[in-house]
Amino acid sequence: MQVRLKVLWLKNFLGFAIDQRTSHNSSPLTPYYFWPKTDAWDQLRLELDSKLWIKRDESIAILNTITEVTNYWTQDRNKANPKKKVVEC
């Protein structure tokens, strides 16, 4: 099983959502959570914790990626153009 972290990169917000990927398609596991409007990291942590079939190391990798993206966005958001990014985990 593979999960995919989706990132919606906007000027004033970051949106994060997680999809489950199979060999032929993907299905949403979570809605988008928007930072800094809400604590997206904590909301996704709770979502991941509720899905017992997701391995702990996968959850940690996703949460670490969210932290990295958030830090990068905070530092460089005025330089970047709004875009949708998908990060494979």
C-alpha atoms as a PDB file:
ATOM      1  CA  MET A   1       0.000   0.000   0.000  1.00  0.00           C
ATOM      2  CA  GLN A   2       1.241   3.439  -0.842  1.00  0.00           C
ATOM      3  CA  VAL A   3       0.008   6.814   0.270  1.00  0.00           C
ATOM      4  CA  ARG A   4       0.444  10.127  -1.462  1.00  0.00           C
ATOM      5  CA  LEU A   5       0.614  13.499   0.203  1.00  0.00           C
ATOM      6  CA  LYS A   6      -1.032  16.179  -1.898  1.00  0.00           C
ATOM      7  CA  VAL A   7      -0.032  19.800  -1.358  1.00  0.00           C
ATOM      8  CA  LEU A   8      -1.990  22.763  -2.597  1.00  0.00           C
ATOM      9  CA  TRP A   9       0.426  25.700  -2.587  1.00  0.00           C
ATOM     10  CA  LEU A  10      -1.355  29.052  -2.435  1.00  0.00           C
ATOM     11  CA  LYS A  11      -0.161  32.532  -1.577  1.00  0.00           C
ATOM     12  CA  ASN A  12      -1.839  32.680   1.846  1.00  0.00           C
ATOM     13  CA  PHE A  13      -2.492  29.017   2.634  1.00  0.00           C
ATOM     14  CA  LEU A  14      -1.089  25.542   2.231  1.00  0.00           C
ATOM     15  CA  GLY A  15      -3.545  22.711   1.729  1.00  0.00           C
ATOM     16  CA  PHE A  16      -2.603  19.138   2.657  1.00  0.00           C
ATOM     17  CA  ALA A  17      -4.504  15.935   1.882  1.00  0.00           C
ATOM     18  CA  ILE A  18      -3.616  12.240   1.721  1.00  0.00           C
ATOM     19  CA  ASP A  19      -4.632   9.705  -0.918  1.00  0.00           C
ATOM     20  CA  GLN A  20      -4.282   5.937  -0.914  1.00  0.00           C
ATOM     21  CA  ARG A  21      -2.685   4.611  -4.083  1.00  0.00           C
ATOM     22  CA  THR A  22      -3.142   1.220  -5.628  1.00  0.00           C
ATOM     23  CA  SER A  23      -1.639  -0.104  -8.832  1.00  0.00           C
ATOM     24  CA  HIS A  24      -4.450   1.340 -10.948  1.00  0.00           C
ATOM     25  CA  ASN A  25      -5.940   4.346  -9.146  1.00  0.00           C
ATOM     26  CA  SER A  26      -6.018   6.470  -6.039  1.00  0.00           C
ATOM     27  CA  SER A  27      -8.683   7.233  -3.437  1.00  0.00           C
ATOM     28  CA  PRO A  28      -8.846  10.151  -1.007  1.00  0.00           C
ATOM     29  CA  LEU A  29      -8.135   9.212   2.598  1.00  0.00           C
ATOM     30  CA  THR A  30      -8.519  12.708   4.009  1.00  0.00           C
ATOM     31  CA  PRO A  31     -10.003  16.033   3.012  1.00  0.00           C
ATOM     32  CA  TYR A  32      -7.702  18.989   2.499  1.00  0.00           C
ATOM     33  CA  TYR A  33      -6.630  20.741   5.689  1.00  0.00           C
ATOM     34  CA  PHE A  34      -5.353  24.285   5.303  1.00  0.00           C
ATOM     35  CA  TRP A  35      -2.488  25.858   7.221  1.00  0.00           C
ATOM     36  CA  PRO A  36      -2.243  28.407   8.863  1.00  0.00           C
ATOM     37  CA  LYS A  37      -6.044  28.613   8.944  1.00  0.00           C
ATOM     38  CA  THR A  38      -6.076  25.381  10.987  1.00  0.00           C
ATOM     39  CA  ASP A  39      -3.412  23.142  12.488  1.00  0.00           C
ATOM     40  CA  ALA A  40      -3.200  20.947   9.391  1.00  0.00           C
ATOM     41  CA  TRP A  41      -0.254  18.952  10.767  1.00  0.00           C
ATOM     42  CA  ASP A  42      -2.174  17.922  13.885  1.00  0.00           C
ATOM     43  CA  GLN A  43      -5.364  17.198  11.946  1.00  0.00           C
ATOM     44  CA  LEU A  44      -3.499  14.911   9.564  1.00  0.00           C
ATOM     45  CA  ARG A  45      -1.693  13.244  12.450  1.00  0.00           C
ATOM     46  CA  LEU A  46      -5.077  12.372  13.962  1.00  0.00           C
ATOM     47  CA  GLU A  47      -6.293  11.085  10.586  1.00  0.00           C
ATOM     48  CA  LEU A  48      -3.201   8.911  10.167  1.00  0.00           C
ATOM     49  CA  ASP A  49      -3.471   7.593  13.737  1.00  0.00           C
ATOM     50  CA  SER A  50      -7.059   6.514  13.065  1.00  0.00           C
ATOM     51  CA  LYS A  51      -5.986   4.399  10.085  1.00  0.00           C
ATOM     52  CA  LEU A  52      -4.372   1.454  11.827  1.00  0.00           C
ATOM     53  CA  TRP A  53      -3.278  -0.172   8.570  1.00  0.00           C
ATOM     54  CA  ILE A  54      -0.875   2.694   7.789  1.00  0.00           C
ATOM     55  CA  LYS A  55       2.563   1.864   9.130  1.00  0.00           C
ATOM     56  CA  ARG A  56       3.999   4.145  11.778  1.00  0.00           C
ATOM     57  CA  ASP A  57       7.102   4.913   9.691  1.00  0.00           C
ATOM     58  CA  GLU A  58       4.866   5.968   6.768  1.00  0.00           C
ATOM     59  CA  SER A  59       2.942   8.310   9.070  1.00  0.00           C
ATOM     60  CA  ILE A  60       6.165   9.802  10.389  1.00  0.00           C
ATOM     61  CA  ALA A  61       7.498  10.330   6.855  1.00  0.00           C
ATOM     62  CA  ILE A  62       4.299  12.115   5.817  1.00  0.00           C
ATOM     63  CA  LEU A  63       4.276  14.347   8.897  1.00  0.00           C
ATOM     64  CA  ASN A  64       7.968  15.178   8.436  1.00  0.00           C
ATOM     65  CA  THR A  65       7.282  16.118   4.814  1.00  0.00           C
ATOM     66  CA  ILE A  66       4.413  18.374   5.903  1.00  0.00           C
ATOM     67  CA  THR A  67       6.784  20.104   8.326  1.00  0.00           C
ATOM     68  CA  GLU A  68       9.432  20.576   5.615  1.00  0.00           C
ATOM     69  CA  VAL A  69       6.939  21.949   3.090  1.00  0.00           C
ATOM     70  CA  THR A  70       5.413  24.288   5.682  1.00  0.00           C
ATOM     71  CA  ASN A  71       8.847  25.609   6.666  1.00  0.00           C
ATOM     72  CA  TYR A  72       9.839  26.136   3.023  1.00  0.00           C
ATOM     73  CA  TRP A  73       6.525  27.849   2.230  1.00  0.00           C
ATOM     74  CA  THR A  74       6.839  30.124   5.268  1.00  0.00           C
ATOM     75  CA  GLN A  75      10.322  31.226   4.191  1.00  0.00           C
ATOM     76  CA  ASP A  76       9.696  31.587   0.464  1.00  0.00           C
ATOM     77  CA  ARG A  77       5.957  32.080  -0.062  1.00  0.00           C
ATOM     78  CA  ASN A  78       6.336  35.570  -1.476  1.00  0.00           C
ATOM     79  CA  LYS A  79       8.709  34.263  -4.148  1.00  0.00           C
ATOM     80  CA  ALA A  80       6.673  31.253  -5.278  1.00  0.00           C
ATOM     81  CA  ASN A  81       3.761  31.204  -7.703  1.00  0.00           C
ATOM     82  CA  PRO A  82       0.554  29.454  -6.603  1.00  0.00           C
ATOM     83  CA  LYS A  83       0.593  25.857  -7.814  1.00  0.00           C
ATOM     84  CA  LYS A  84      -0.515  22.384  -6.977  1.00  0.00           C
ATOM     85  CA  LYS A  85       2.231  20.013  -5.932  1.00  0.00           C
ATOM     86  CA  VAL A  86       2.061  16.304  -5.275  1.00  0.00           C
ATOM     87  CA  VAL A  87       4.632  14.655  -3.030  1.00  0.00           C
ATOM     88  CA  GLU A  88       5.031  10.887  -3.059  1.00  0.00           C
ATOM     89  CA  CYS A  89       5.670   9.250   0.291  1.00  0.00           C
END
